[in-house]
Amino acid sequence: MFVPLAFLSLLFELGLGYPDRLVHAIGHPVIWIGKLISFLDTSLNRATDTDARRRFLGVVALVVIVAVPAACAFAVERLFGLVPFGILLTAIAASSLVAQRSLGSHVKAVADALDSGGIVAGRKAVSQIVGRDPERLDEAGVSRAAIESLAENFSDGITAPALWLAVFGFAGGAAYKAANTADSMIGHRTSRHEAFGWAAARFDDLINLPASRLTALLIVLAAFLVPGTDPRGAWQAVWRDAQKHRSPNAGWPESAMAGALGLALAGPRAYGGVMVDDALMGDGGRREANAQDIRAALRLYWTADALMVGALGLIAAIFWL
């Protein structure tokens, strides 16, 4: 187990983030992974091939996408393990795989934009974190989109990489991040990626199963600690609505967040001009969300994140003793 590494990585990311100067100087692991995915997509995904061949080559591409970052991370971890306090160096590197600070700041920016600049500013801010059509969103739609993104990305961007870091070390975290990035880039049901991205989409669903359930539990527990939120409502929403979502994972944190806030999230949404008729999370809650609800969701998020970091810290302390 690599729980101390996961704990330290979360602490470093909370304290330091990933500096913009570093992005400009050397890029970011997601950028590097994205270039690899784009190269493989361009090289292997040919429209003239049959769907069966494209699906097979998609499997090959996924193996490469996951194996290359995992091997690089494993080599870095072994190299740093040869020097005193190497775990700290590894944790600094691994902190690039989680996004506590950036997720919180991007969602807070939506609430700030709605408060200061109204719906136009809110649409612009939310377009940075969601893929749906911002021009179709009113204030309630912008607010729901921000809260849904917060809930889903808490699982995908923080809980899941931290979990795989804790289980398999830097290599596990890097492998997860690569697979998750592949899903976001090629795991779409479009004519180009329906076959080639099949493996990436299915694999991402699989590796996010434990984190999505854990994230829902963290949100329920956080609702006991955040005034004005409803832990019973959160639990009931998870039990009733999570499995109605078209995603096997997104419904868990979204329904927990919806129930805790007394909102009805998800439902019909437009992506690229196409309406997606998804089930409601928190069915029976209100739909008229606003900037105050975004801020309440952020309080839940930070509390749930603190619970996770604290739990990892306690387990890490046991390892160190």
C-alpha atoms as a PDB file:
ATOM      1  CA  MET A   1       0.000   0.000   0.000  1.00  0.00           C
ATOM      2  CA  PHE A   2       1.120   3.574  -0.776  1.00  0.00           C
ATOM      3  CA  VAL A   3      -1.231   5.508   1.524  1.00  0.00           C
ATOM      4  CA  PRO A   4       1.487   7.906   2.799  1.00  0.00           C
ATOM      5  CA  LEU A   5       2.282   8.842  -0.798  1.00  0.00           C
ATOM      6  CA  ALA A   6      -1.384   9.570  -1.557  1.00  0.00           C
ATOM      7  CA  PHE A   7      -1.738  11.613   1.641  1.00  0.00           C
ATOM      8  CA  LEU A   8       1.375  13.698   0.970  1.00  0.00           C
ATOM      9  CA  SER A   9       0.399  14.230  -2.667  1.00  0.00           C
ATOM     10  CA  LEU A  10      -2.956  15.664  -1.624  1.00  0.00           C
ATOM     11  CA  LEU A  11      -1.275  17.931   0.926  1.00  0.00           C
ATOM     12  CA  PHE A  12       1.251  19.218  -1.603  1.00  0.00           C
ATOM     13  CA  GLU A  13      -1.472  19.899  -4.164  1.00  0.00           C
ATOM     14  CA  LEU A  14      -3.548  21.742  -1.579  1.00  0.00           C
ATOM     15  CA  GLY A  15      -0.597  23.877  -0.601  1.00  0.00           C
ATOM     16  CA  LEU A  16       1.120  24.434  -3.929  1.00  0.00           C
ATOM     17  CA  GLY A  17      -1.228  23.481  -6.735  1.00  0.00           C
ATOM     18  CA  TYR A  18       0.453  23.190 -10.124  1.00  0.00           C
ATOM     19  CA  PRO A  19       2.092  26.576 -10.808  1.00  0.00           C
ATOM     20  CA  ASP A  20       1.264  28.286 -14.102  1.00  0.00           C
ATOM     21  CA  ARG A  21       4.957  28.982 -14.648  1.00  0.00           C
ATOM     22  CA  LEU A  22       5.598  25.250 -14.569  1.00  0.00           C
ATOM     23  CA  VAL A  23       2.845  24.666 -17.118  1.00  0.00           C
ATOM     24  CA  HIS A  24       4.411  27.220 -19.442  1.00  0.00           C
ATOM     25  CA  ALA A  25       7.908  25.810 -18.893  1.00  0.00           C
ATOM     26  CA  ILE A  26       7.378  22.060 -19.191  1.00  0.00           C
ATOM     27  CA  GLY A  27       3.638  21.486 -19.592  1.00  0.00           C
ATOM     28  CA  HIS A  28       1.506  19.209 -17.422  1.00  0.00           C
ATOM     29  CA  PRO A  29       1.105  15.404 -17.294  1.00  0.00           C
ATOM     30  CA  VAL A  30      -2.394  15.682 -18.764  1.00  0.00           C
ATOM     31  CA  ILE A  31      -0.991  17.707 -21.668  1.00  0.00           C
ATOM     32  CA  TRP A  32       1.705  15.076 -22.296  1.00  0.00           C
ATOM     33  CA  ILE A  33      -0.842  12.268 -22.099  1.00  0.00           C
ATOM     34  CA  GLY A  34      -3.169  14.197 -24.387  1.00  0.00           C
ATOM     35  CA  LYS A  35      -0.457  14.476 -27.045  1.00  0.00           C
ATOM     36  CA  LEU A  36       0.097  10.720 -26.889  1.00  0.00           C
ATOM     37  CA  ILE A  37      -3.638  10.075 -27.245  1.00  0.00           C
ATOM     38  CA  SER A  38      -3.917  12.484 -30.186  1.00  0.00           C
ATOM     39  CA  PHE A  39      -0.981  10.812 -31.919  1.00  0.00           C
ATOM     40  CA  LEU A  40      -2.501   7.343 -31.524  1.00  0.00           C
ATOM     41  CA  ASP A  41      -5.945   8.558 -32.559  1.00  0.00           C
ATOM     42  CA  THR A  42      -4.502  10.106 -35.727  1.00  0.00           C
ATOM     43  CA  SER A  43      -2.271   7.115 -36.489  1.00  0.00           C
ATOM     44  CA  LEU A  44      -4.593   4.193 -35.723  1.00  0.00           C
ATOM     45  CA  ASN A  45      -8.163   5.426 -36.030  1.00  0.00           C
ATOM     46  CA  ARG A  46      -8.874   5.245 -39.772  1.00  0.00           C
ATOM     47  CA  ALA A  47     -12.361   5.740 -41.167  1.00  0.00           C
ATOM     48  CA  THR A  48     -11.649   3.176 -43.915  1.00  0.00           C
ATOM     49  CA  ASP A  49     -11.228   0.350 -41.385  1.00  0.00           C
ATOM     50  CA  THR A  50     -14.091  -1.832 -40.227  1.00  0.00           C
ATOM     51  CA  ASP A  51     -15.631  -1.209 -36.823  1.00  0.00           C
ATOM     52  CA  ALA A  52     -14.155  -4.475 -35.565  1.00  0.00           C
ATOM     53  CA  ARG A  53     -10.651  -3.442 -36.557  1.00  0.00           C
ATOM     54  CA  ARG A  54     -11.099   0.053 -35.133  1.00  0.00           C
ATOM     55  CA  ARG A  55     -12.281  -1.448 -31.852  1.00  0.00           C
ATOM     56  CA  PHE A  56      -9.256  -3.756 -31.750  1.00  0.00           C
ATOM     57  CA  LEU A  57      -6.877  -0.885 -32.483  1.00  0.00           C
ATOM     58  CA  GLY A  58      -8.641   1.123 -29.796  1.00  0.00           C
ATOM     59  CA  VAL A  59      -7.752  -1.602 -27.306  1.00  0.00           C
ATOM     60  CA  VAL A  60      -4.133  -1.489 -28.498  1.00  0.00           C
ATOM     61  CA  ALA A  61      -4.109   2.292 -28.158  1.00  0.00           C
ATOM     62  CA  LEU A  62      -5.517   2.107 -24.632  1.00  0.00           C
ATOM     63  CA  VAL A  63      -2.811  -0.331 -23.544  1.00  0.00           C
ATOM     64  CA  VAL A  64      -0.145   2.067 -24.830  1.00  0.00           C
ATOM     65  CA  ILE A  65      -1.880   5.106 -23.301  1.00  0.00           C
ATOM     66  CA  VAL A  66      -1.973   3.468 -19.869  1.00  0.00           C
ATOM     67  CA  ALA A  67       1.372   1.636 -19.988  1.00  0.00           C
ATOM     68  CA  VAL A  68       3.620   4.516 -21.054  1.00  0.00           C
ATOM     69  CA  PRO A  69       2.713   6.986 -18.244  1.00  0.00           C
ATOM     70  CA  ALA A  70       2.633   4.132 -15.703  1.00  0.00           C
ATOM     71  CA  ALA A  71       6.117   2.979 -16.709  1.00  0.00           C
ATOM     72  CA  CYS A  72       7.491   6.531 -16.580  1.00  0.00           C
ATOM     73  CA  ALA A  73       5.938   7.123 -13.151  1.00  0.00           C
ATOM     74  CA  PHE A  74       7.274   3.799 -11.864  1.00  0.00           C
ATOM     75  CA  ALA A  75      10.780   4.727 -13.040  1.00  0.00           C
ATOM     76  CA  VAL A  76      10.558   8.141 -11.356  1.00  0.00           C
ATOM     77  CA  GLU A  77       9.316   6.565  -8.119  1.00  0.00           C
ATOM     78  CA  ARG A  78      12.153   4.039  -8.111  1.00  0.00           C
ATOM     79  CA  LEU A  79      14.720   6.759  -8.868  1.00  0.00           C
ATOM     80  CA  PHE A  80      13.482   9.033  -6.098  1.00  0.00           C
ATOM     81  CA  GLY A  81      13.430   6.033  -3.779  1.00  0.00           C
ATOM     82  CA  LEU A  82      17.216   5.938  -3.966  1.00  0.00           C
ATOM     83  CA  VAL A  83      17.653   9.323  -2.271  1.00  0.00           C
ATOM     84  CA  PRO A  84      16.833  10.451   1.298  1.00  0.00           C
ATOM     85  CA  PHE A  85      13.240  11.640   1.689  1.00  0.00           C
ATOM     86  CA  GLY A  86      12.512  10.427  -1.817  1.00  0.00           C
ATOM     87  CA  ILE A  87       8.858   9.955  -0.920  1.00  0.00           C
ATOM     88  CA  LEU A  88       8.541  13.735  -0.659  1.00  0.00           C
ATOM     89  CA  LEU A  89       9.904  14.188  -4.176  1.00  0.00           C
ATOM     90  CA  THR A  90       7.589  11.476  -5.469  1.00  0.00           C
ATOM     91  CA  ALA A  91       4.629  13.081  -3.687  1.00  0.00           C
ATOM     92  CA  ILE A  92       5.412  16.460  -5.268  1.00  0.00           C
ATOM     93  CA  ALA A  93       5.438  14.817  -8.703  1.00  0.00           C
ATOM     94  CA  ALA A  94       2.281  12.814  -7.952  1.00  0.00           C
ATOM     95  CA  SER A  95       0.463  15.934  -6.731  1.00  0.00           C
ATOM     96  CA  SER A  96       0.063  16.852 -10.416  1.00  0.00           C
ATOM     97  CA  LEU A  97      -2.439  13.991 -10.726  1.00  0.00           C
ATOM     98  CA  VAL A  98      -5.024  15.510  -8.335  1.00  0.00           C
ATOM     99  CA  ALA A  99      -6.869  18.807  -8.715  1.00  0.00           C
ATOM    100  CA  GLN A 100      -8.370  19.944  -5.432  1.00  0.00           C
ATOM    101  CA  ARG A 101      -7.358  23.590  -5.739  1.00  0.00           C
ATOM    102  CA  SER A 102      -8.129  24.048  -9.421  1.00  0.00           C
ATOM    103  CA  LEU A 103     -11.535  22.362  -9.197  1.00  0.00           C
ATOM    104  CA  GLY A 104     -12.558  24.503  -6.248  1.00  0.00           C
ATOM    105  CA  SER A 105     -11.317  27.719  -7.855  1.00  0.00           C
ATOM    106  CA  HIS A 106     -12.994  27.041 -11.215  1.00  0.00           C
ATOM    107  CA  VAL A 107     -16.365  26.323  -9.599  1.00  0.00           C
ATOM    108  CA  LYS A 108     -16.042  29.324  -7.263  1.00  0.00           C
ATOM    109  CA  ALA A 109     -15.365  31.467 -10.344  1.00  0.00           C
ATOM    110  CA  VAL A 110     -18.836  30.567 -11.653  1.00  0.00           C
ATOM    111  CA  ALA A 111     -20.518  31.747  -8.450  1.00  0.00           C
ATOM    112  CA  ASP A 112     -18.411  34.925  -8.432  1.00  0.00           C
ATOM    113  CA  ALA A 113     -19.243  35.585 -12.085  1.00  0.00           C
ATOM    114  CA  LEU A 114     -22.990  35.207 -11.487  1.00  0.00           C
ATOM    115  CA  ASP A 115     -22.814  37.550  -8.509  1.00  0.00           C
ATOM    116  CA  SER A 116     -20.715  40.213 -10.225  1.00  0.00           C
ATOM    117  CA  GLY A 117     -21.514  39.946 -13.935  1.00  0.00           C
ATOM    118  CA  GLY A 118     -24.861  38.192 -14.187  1.00  0.00           C
ATOM    119  CA  ILE A 119     -25.842  35.486 -16.633  1.00  0.00           C
ATOM    120  CA  VAL A 120     -23.417  36.459 -19.427  1.00  0.00           C
ATOM    121  CA  ALA A 121     -20.407  36.238 -17.114  1.00  0.00           C
ATOM    122  CA  GLY A 122     -21.794  33.075 -15.538  1.00  0.00           C
ATOM    123  CA  ARG A 123     -22.132  31.353 -18.919  1.00  0.00           C
ATOM    124  CA  LYS A 124     -18.563  32.279 -19.822  1.00  0.00           C
ATOM    125  CA  ALA A 125     -17.226  30.962 -16.511  1.00  0.00           C
ATOM    126  CA  VAL A 126     -19.169  27.687 -16.604  1.00  0.00           C
ATOM    127  CA  SER A 127     -18.072  27.023 -20.200  1.00  0.00           C
ATOM    128  CA  GLN A 128     -14.562  26.467 -18.800  1.00  0.00           C
ATOM    129  CA  ILE A 129     -15.655  23.395 -16.839  1.00  0.00           C
ATOM    130  CA  VAL A 130     -18.590  21.778 -18.701  1.00  0.00           C
ATOM    131  CA  GLY A 131     -19.156  20.530 -22.224  1.00  0.00           C
ATOM    132  CA  ARG A 132     -22.814  21.483 -22.576  1.00  0.00           C
ATOM    133  CA  ASP A 133     -24.072  24.480 -24.600  1.00  0.00           C
ATOM    134  CA  PRO A 134     -23.707  27.520 -22.299  1.00  0.00           C
ATOM    135  CA  GLU A 135     -25.909  29.810 -24.414  1.00  0.00           C
ATOM    136  CA  ARG A 136     -28.924  27.642 -23.613  1.00  0.00           C
ATOM    137  CA  LEU A 137     -28.449  28.001 -19.862  1.00  0.00           C
ATOM    138  CA  ASP A 138     -30.275  30.443 -17.628  1.00  0.00           C
ATOM    139  CA  GLU A 139     -28.965  31.298 -14.154  1.00  0.00           C
ATOM    140  CA  ALA A 140     -30.400  28.109 -12.675  1.00  0.00           C
ATOM    141  CA  GLY A 141     -28.916  26.042 -15.508  1.00  0.00           C
ATOM    142  CA  VAL A 142     -25.486  27.621 -15.062  1.00  0.00           C
ATOM    143  CA  SER A 143     -25.639  26.969 -11.322  1.00  0.00           C
ATOM    144  CA  ARG A 144     -26.729  23.348 -11.734  1.00  0.00           C
ATOM    145  CA  ALA A 145     -24.010  22.764 -14.336  1.00  0.00           C
ATOM    146  CA  ALA A 146     -21.350  24.080 -11.960  1.00  0.00           C
ATOM    147  CA  ILE A 147     -22.605  21.928  -9.079  1.00  0.00           C
ATOM    148  CA  GLU A 148     -22.852  18.801 -11.249  1.00  0.00           C
ATOM    149  CA  SER A 149     -19.324  19.378 -12.542  1.00  0.00           C
ATOM    150  CA  LEU A 150     -18.068  19.843  -8.990  1.00  0.00           C
ATOM    151  CA  ALA A 151     -19.626  16.569  -7.849  1.00  0.00           C
ATOM    152  CA  GLU A 152     -18.483  14.496 -10.825  1.00  0.00           C
ATOM    153  CA  ASN A 153     -14.965  15.944 -10.943  1.00  0.00           C
ATOM    154  CA  PHE A 154     -14.547  15.483  -7.202  1.00  0.00           C
ATOM    155  CA  SER A 155     -14.774  11.772  -7.965  1.00  0.00           C
ATOM    156  CA  ASP A 156     -12.813  11.691 -11.234  1.00  0.00           C
ATOM    157  CA  GLY A 157     -10.247  14.369 -10.459  1.00  0.00           C
ATOM    158  CA  ILE A 158      -9.511  13.821  -6.784  1.00  0.00           C
ATOM    159  CA  THR A 159     -10.956  10.719  -5.112  1.00  0.00           C
ATOM    160  CA  ALA A 160     -10.097   8.309  -7.937  1.00  0.00           C
ATOM    161  CA  PRO A 161      -6.457   9.353  -8.511  1.00  0.00           C
ATOM    162  CA  ALA A 162      -5.897   9.484  -4.743  1.00  0.00           C
ATOM    163  CA  LEU A 163      -7.348   5.985  -4.399  1.00  0.00           C
ATOM    164  CA  TRP A 164      -5.179   4.499  -7.151  1.00  0.00           C
ATOM    165  CA  LEU A 165      -2.142   6.330  -5.779  1.00  0.00           C
ATOM    166  CA  ALA A 166      -2.849   4.761  -2.391  1.00  0.00           C
ATOM    167  CA  VAL A 167      -3.200   1.260  -3.846  1.00  0.00           C
ATOM    168  CA  PHE A 168      -0.531   1.153  -6.561  1.00  0.00           C
ATOM    169  CA  GLY A 169       1.687   4.174  -5.980  1.00  0.00           C
ATOM    170  CA  PHE A 170       2.741   6.785  -8.527  1.00  0.00           C
ATOM    171  CA  ALA A 171       2.400   4.282 -11.375  1.00  0.00           C
ATOM    172  CA  GLY A 172      -1.200   3.520 -10.378  1.00  0.00           C
ATOM    173  CA  GLY A 173      -2.108   7.182 -10.195  1.00  0.00           C
ATOM    174  CA  ALA A 174      -0.494   7.900 -13.564  1.00  0.00           C
ATOM    175  CA  ALA A 175      -2.237   4.926 -15.168  1.00  0.00           C
ATOM    176  CA  TYR A 176      -5.590   6.124 -13.857  1.00  0.00           C
ATOM    177  CA  LYS A 177      -5.019   9.673 -15.085  1.00  0.00           C
ATOM    178  CA  ALA A 178      -4.052   8.392 -18.529  1.00  0.00           C
ATOM    179  CA  ALA A 179      -7.153   6.192 -18.796  1.00  0.00           C
ATOM    180  CA  ASN A 180      -9.439   8.977 -17.585  1.00  0.00           C
ATOM    181  CA  THR A 181      -7.922  11.432 -20.069  1.00  0.00           C
ATOM    182  CA  ALA A 182      -8.372   8.873 -22.854  1.00  0.00           C
ATOM    183  CA  ASP A 183     -12.058   8.592 -21.998  1.00  0.00           C
ATOM    184  CA  SER A 184     -12.489  12.365 -22.114  1.00  0.00           C
ATOM    185  CA  MET A 185     -10.757  12.592 -25.508  1.00  0.00           C
ATOM    186  CA  ILE A 186     -11.850   9.495 -27.423  1.00  0.00           C
ATOM    187  CA  GLY A 187     -14.504   7.801 -25.297  1.00  0.00           C
ATOM    188  CA  HIS A 188     -17.415   9.501 -27.058  1.00  0.00           C
ATOM    189  CA  ARG A 189     -20.287   7.961 -29.008  1.00  0.00           C
ATOM    190  CA  THR A 190     -19.514   9.767 -32.244  1.00  0.00           C
ATOM    191  CA  SER A 191     -19.013   8.313 -35.691  1.00  0.00           C
ATOM    192  CA  ARG A 192     -15.243   8.704 -35.271  1.00  0.00           C
ATOM    193  CA  HIS A 193     -14.918   7.278 -31.766  1.00  0.00           C
ATOM    194  CA  GLU A 194     -17.862   4.888 -31.298  1.00  0.00           C
ATOM    195  CA  ALA A 195     -15.625   1.900 -32.110  1.00  0.00           C
ATOM    196  CA  PHE A 196     -12.103   3.208 -31.518  1.00  0.00           C
ATOM    197  CA  GLY A 197     -12.970   4.750 -28.133  1.00  0.00           C
ATOM    198  CA  TRP A 198     -15.064   1.816 -26.901  1.00  0.00           C
ATOM    199  CA  ALA A 199     -12.271   0.327 -24.786  1.00  0.00           C
ATOM    200  CA  ALA A 200     -11.335   3.698 -23.274  1.00  0.00           C
ATOM    201  CA  ALA A 201     -14.938   4.410 -22.263  1.00  0.00           C
ATOM    202  CA  ARG A 202     -15.580   0.970 -20.782  1.00  0.00           C
ATOM    203  CA  PHE A 203     -12.247   0.872 -18.928  1.00  0.00           C
ATOM    204  CA  ASP A 204     -12.863   4.319 -17.453  1.00  0.00           C
ATOM    205  CA  ASP A 205     -16.282   3.186 -16.220  1.00  0.00           C
ATOM    206  CA  LEU A 206     -14.633   0.221 -14.500  1.00  0.00           C
ATOM    207  CA  ILE A 207     -11.795   2.022 -12.752  1.00  0.00           C
ATOM    208  CA  ASN A 208     -14.100   4.766 -11.472  1.00  0.00           C
ATOM    209  CA  LEU A 209     -16.562   2.397  -9.801  1.00  0.00           C
ATOM    210  CA  PRO A 210     -14.954   2.431  -6.311  1.00  0.00           C
ATOM    211  CA  ALA A 211     -14.171   6.157  -6.278  1.00  0.00           C
ATOM    212  CA  SER A 212     -17.669   7.235  -7.301  1.00  0.00           C
ATOM    213  CA  ARG A 213     -19.228   5.275  -4.437  1.00  0.00           C
ATOM    214  CA  LEU A 214     -16.636   6.551  -1.980  1.00  0.00           C
ATOM    215  CA  THR A 215     -17.205  10.144  -3.116  1.00  0.00           C
ATOM    216  CA  ALA A 216     -20.940   9.801  -2.550  1.00  0.00           C
ATOM    217  CA  LEU A 217     -20.265   8.518   0.964  1.00  0.00           C
ATOM    218  CA  LEU A 218     -17.895  11.416   1.663  1.00  0.00           C
ATOM    219  CA  ILE A 219     -20.551  13.922   0.574  1.00  0.00           C
ATOM    220  CA  VAL A 220     -23.161  12.261   2.788  1.00  0.00           C
ATOM    221  CA  LEU A 221     -20.771  12.405   5.763  1.00  0.00           C
ATOM    222  CA  ALA A 222     -19.864  16.012   4.987  1.00  0.00           C
ATOM    223  CA  ALA A 223     -23.554  16.934   5.076  1.00  0.00           C
ATOM    224  CA  PHE A 224     -23.561  16.045   8.794  1.00  0.00           C
ATOM    225  CA  LEU A 225     -20.970  18.790   9.311  1.00  0.00           C
ATOM    226  CA  VAL A 226     -22.069  21.573   6.947  1.00  0.00           C
ATOM    227  CA  PRO A 227     -24.944  23.707   8.322  1.00  0.00           C
ATOM    228  CA  GLY A 228     -27.975  23.928   6.080  1.00  0.00           C
ATOM    229  CA  THR A 229     -27.323  20.672   4.234  1.00  0.00           C
ATOM    230  CA  ASP A 230     -29.237  17.425   4.610  1.00  0.00           C
ATOM    231  CA  PRO A 231     -27.358  14.144   5.172  1.00  0.00           C
ATOM    232  CA  ARG A 232     -30.562  12.106   5.209  1.00  0.00           C
ATOM    233  CA  GLY A 233     -31.666  13.671   1.930  1.00  0.00           C
ATOM    234  CA  ALA A 234     -28.235  12.955   0.461  1.00  0.00           C
ATOM    235  CA  TRP A 235     -28.394   9.290   1.443  1.00  0.00           C
ATOM    236  CA  GLN A 236     -31.960   8.881   0.175  1.00  0.00           C
ATOM    237  CA  ALA A 237     -31.073  10.483  -3.153  1.00  0.00           C
ATOM    238  CA  VAL A 238     -28.094   8.162  -3.608  1.00  0.00           C
ATOM    239  CA  TRP A 239     -30.184   5.117  -2.753  1.00  0.00           C
ATOM    240  CA  ARG A 240     -33.038   6.181  -5.042  1.00  0.00           C
ATOM    241  CA  ASP A 241     -31.398   7.970  -7.985  1.00  0.00           C
ATOM    242  CA  ALA A 242     -27.724   7.054  -8.449  1.00  0.00           C
ATOM    243  CA  GLN A 243     -28.349   4.023 -10.643  1.00  0.00           C
ATOM    244  CA  LYS A 244     -30.814   5.904 -12.865  1.00  0.00           C
ATOM    245  CA  HIS A 245     -28.009   8.010 -14.336  1.00  0.00           C
ATOM    246  CA  ARG A 246     -26.816   7.102 -17.844  1.00  0.00           C
ATOM    247  CA  SER A 247     -23.281   6.930 -16.412  1.00  0.00           C
ATOM    248  CA  PRO A 248     -22.555   4.038 -14.018  1.00  0.00           C
ATOM    249  CA  ASN A 249     -20.501   6.432 -11.887  1.00  0.00           C
ATOM    250  CA  ALA A 250     -21.528  10.086 -12.245  1.00  0.00           C
ATOM    251  CA  GLY A 251     -24.907   9.516 -10.636  1.00  0.00           C
ATOM    252  CA  TRP A 252     -23.393   8.633  -7.274  1.00  0.00           C
ATOM    253  CA  PRO A 253     -21.702  11.930  -6.359  1.00  0.00           C
ATOM    254  CA  GLU A 254     -24.311  13.964  -8.267  1.00  0.00           C
ATOM    255  CA  SER A 255     -27.241  12.403  -6.433  1.00  0.00           C
ATOM    256  CA  ALA A 256     -25.486  12.799  -3.077  1.00  0.00           C
ATOM    257  CA  MET A 257     -24.843  16.472  -3.793  1.00  0.00           C
ATOM    258  CA  ALA A 258     -28.407  16.988  -5.037  1.00  0.00           C
ATOM    259  CA  GLY A 259     -29.968  15.394  -1.974  1.00  0.00           C
ATOM    260  CA  ALA A 260     -27.716  17.245   0.436  1.00  0.00           C
ATOM    261  CA  LEU A 261     -28.626  20.607  -1.136  1.00  0.00           C
ATOM    262  CA  GLY A 262     -32.302  19.859  -1.749  1.00  0.00           C
ATOM    263  CA  LEU A 263     -31.844  20.276  -5.511  1.00  0.00           C
ATOM    264  CA  ALA A 264     -32.844  18.287  -8.580  1.00  0.00           C
ATOM    265  CA  LEU A 265     -29.709  18.010 -10.716  1.00  0.00           C
ATOM    266  CA  ALA A 266     -29.005  16.421 -14.128  1.00  0.00           C
ATOM    267  CA  GLY A 267     -32.147  15.866 -16.227  1.00  0.00           C
ATOM    268  CA  PRO A 268     -32.399  17.039 -19.875  1.00  0.00           C
ATOM    269  CA  ARG A 269     -29.246  18.835 -21.086  1.00  0.00           C
ATOM    270  CA  ALA A 270     -27.834  19.957 -24.455  1.00  0.00           C
ATOM    271  CA  TYR A 271     -24.370  18.944 -25.666  1.00  0.00           C
ATOM    272  CA  GLY A 272     -23.232  20.244 -29.053  1.00  0.00           C
ATOM    273  CA  GLY A 273     -26.811  21.004 -30.023  1.00  0.00           C
ATOM    274  CA  VAL A 274     -28.008  17.502 -29.097  1.00  0.00           C
ATOM    275  CA  MET A 275     -30.436  17.063 -26.204  1.00  0.00           C
ATOM    276  CA  VAL A 276     -29.591  14.326 -23.706  1.00  0.00           C
ATOM    277  CA  ASP A 277     -32.605  13.244 -21.667  1.00  0.00           C
ATOM    278  CA  ASP A 278     -30.940  12.105 -18.457  1.00  0.00           C
ATOM    279  CA  ALA A 279     -32.709  11.133 -15.248  1.00  0.00           C
ATOM    280  CA  LEU A 280     -33.087  13.627 -12.427  1.00  0.00           C
ATOM    281  CA  MET A 281     -30.755  13.301  -9.464  1.00  0.00           C
ATOM    282  CA  GLY A 282     -32.496  14.407  -6.303  1.00  0.00           C
ATOM    283  CA  ASP A 283     -35.909  13.934  -7.871  1.00  0.00           C
ATOM    284  CA  GLY A 284     -38.401  16.136  -6.066  1.00  0.00           C
ATOM    285  CA  GLY A 285     -35.855  18.821  -5.212  1.00  0.00           C
ATOM    286  CA  ARG A 286     -36.013  22.333  -6.618  1.00  0.00           C
ATOM    287  CA  ARG A 287     -34.522  23.180 -10.013  1.00  0.00           C
ATOM    288  CA  GLU A 288     -34.006  26.915  -9.406  1.00  0.00           C
ATOM    289  CA  ALA A 289     -30.405  26.807  -8.247  1.00  0.00           C
ATOM    290  CA  ASN A 290     -28.315  29.959  -7.842  1.00  0.00           C
ATOM    291  CA  ALA A 291     -24.870  31.198  -6.810  1.00  0.00           C
ATOM    292  CA  GLN A 292     -25.673  30.561  -3.143  1.00  0.00           C
ATOM    293  CA  ASP A 293     -26.240  26.906  -3.939  1.00  0.00           C
ATOM    294  CA  ILE A 294     -22.873  26.754  -5.717  1.00  0.00           C
ATOM    295  CA  ARG A 295     -21.204  28.129  -2.590  1.00  0.00           C
ATOM    296  CA  ALA A 296     -23.065  25.617  -0.408  1.00  0.00           C
ATOM    297  CA  ALA A 297     -21.884  22.848  -2.744  1.00  0.00           C
ATOM    298  CA  LEU A 298     -18.318  24.137  -2.392  1.00  0.00           C
ATOM    299  CA  ARG A 299     -18.594  23.989   1.406  1.00  0.00           C
ATOM    300  CA  LEU A 300     -19.724  20.369   1.089  1.00  0.00           C
ATOM    301  CA  TYR A 301     -16.887  19.656  -1.332  1.00  0.00           C
ATOM    302  CA  TRP A 302     -14.148  21.101   0.857  1.00  0.00           C
ATOM    303  CA  THR A 303     -15.525  19.358   3.934  1.00  0.00           C
ATOM    304  CA  ALA A 304     -15.743  16.013   2.129  1.00  0.00           C
ATOM    305  CA  ASP A 305     -12.231  16.518   0.763  1.00  0.00           C
ATOM    306  CA  ALA A 306     -10.955  17.263   4.266  1.00  0.00           C
ATOM    307  CA  LEU A 307     -12.571  14.051   5.512  1.00  0.00           C
ATOM    308  CA  MET A 308     -10.777  12.062   2.820  1.00  0.00           C
ATOM    309  CA  VAL A 309      -7.413  13.726   3.452  1.00  0.00           C
ATOM    310  CA  GLY A 310      -7.846  13.247   7.191  1.00  0.00           C
ATOM    311  CA  ALA A 311      -8.693   9.557   6.800  1.00  0.00           C
ATOM    312  CA  LEU A 312      -5.642   9.018   4.601  1.00  0.00           C
ATOM    313  CA  GLY A 313      -3.554  10.885   7.144  1.00  0.00           C
ATOM    314  CA  LEU A 314      -4.682   8.594   9.947  1.00  0.00           C
ATOM    315  CA  ILE A 315      -3.922   5.494   7.886  1.00  0.00           C
ATOM    316  CA  ALA A 316      -0.570   6.969   6.850  1.00  0.00           C
ATOM    317  CA  ALA A 317       0.286   7.593  10.497  1.00  0.00           C
ATOM    318  CA  ILE A 318      -0.307   3.925  11.225  1.00  0.00           C
ATOM    319  CA  PHE A 319       2.098   3.007   8.411  1.00  0.00           C
ATOM    320  CA  TRP A 320       4.735   5.393   9.756  1.00  0.00           C
ATOM    321  CA  LEU A 321       4.463   4.242  13.383  1.00  0.00           C
END
